[in-house]
Protein backbone atom coordinates (compact mmCIF):
# COMPACT_ATOMS: atom_id res chain seq x y z
CA MET A 1 58.52 137.87 99.74
CA GLU A 2 58.05 137.16 103.41
CA VAL A 3 58.69 133.71 104.84
CA LEU A 4 56.17 132.68 107.45
CA SER A 5 57.12 130.40 110.32
CA ARG A 6 55.24 129.23 113.36
CA ASN A 7 56.58 132.20 115.34
CA ASN A 8 56.08 135.21 113.08
CA GLY A 9 52.63 134.78 111.53
CA LYS A 10 50.91 137.61 113.39
CA HIS A 11 53.72 140.03 112.56
CA ILE A 12 53.86 139.11 108.86
CA ARG A 13 50.10 138.98 108.26
CA GLY A 14 49.34 141.96 110.48
CA ILE A 15 51.84 144.72 111.11
CA LYS A 16 54.14 144.16 108.13
CA LYS A 17 51.26 143.75 105.68
CA GLN A 18 49.69 147.01 106.90
CA LEU A 19 53.00 148.86 106.62
CA TYR A 20 53.45 147.68 103.04
CA GLU A 21 49.91 148.80 102.20
CA LEU A 22 50.62 152.27 103.63
CA ASP A 23 53.89 152.46 101.67
CA GLY A 24 52.08 151.58 98.44
CA VAL A 25 53.87 148.29 97.78
CA GLN A 26 52.06 146.89 94.73
CA GLU A 27 52.59 143.17 95.33
CA TYR A 28 53.16 141.14 98.50
CA TRP A 29 54.10 137.46 98.60
CA ILE A 30 53.93 135.24 101.66
CA ALA A 31 55.58 131.82 101.74
CA ASP A 32 53.78 129.91 104.48
CA LEU A 33 56.30 127.14 105.16
CA PRO A 34 54.38 125.26 107.88
CA ASN A 35 51.36 124.89 105.55
CA ARG A 36 53.41 124.65 102.30
CA VAL A 37 51.48 127.52 100.69
CA ILE A 38 52.41 130.62 98.72
CA GLU A 39 49.99 133.56 98.74
CA VAL A 40 50.23 136.52 96.38
CA TYR A 41 48.48 139.77 97.25
CA ILE A 42 48.07 142.83 95.03
CA LEU A 43 47.29 146.36 96.12
CA GLU A 44 43.86 147.69 95.14
CA ASN A 45 42.46 150.89 96.59
CA LYS A 46 45.28 150.99 99.16
CA ARG A 47 44.45 147.49 100.47
CA PHE A 48 45.93 144.09 99.67
CA ILE A 49 43.62 141.53 98.14
CA LEU A 50 44.49 137.88 97.64
CA HIS A 51 45.37 137.47 93.97
CA SER A 52 46.54 133.86 93.92
CA TYR A 53 47.14 130.95 96.23
CA CYS A 54 49.40 127.99 95.51
CA LEU A 55 49.37 124.85 97.65
CA GLU A 56 52.07 122.21 97.29
CA LYS A 57 50.71 119.03 95.82
CA GLU A 58 51.20 116.00 98.06
CA LYS A 59 53.47 113.30 96.71
């Protein structure tokens, strides 16, 4: 799981995601703290596709 902040979004969603695809990582989770979202990607045909998306419910 990668934790996204305001400063590392391009690195996490770009370079790191591509490296994990190339390495054959089967599942990739991103915790987007600024937006209170968790994204789960799965590897299909050597590319990550968004499998699920969970948004924190407002109180």
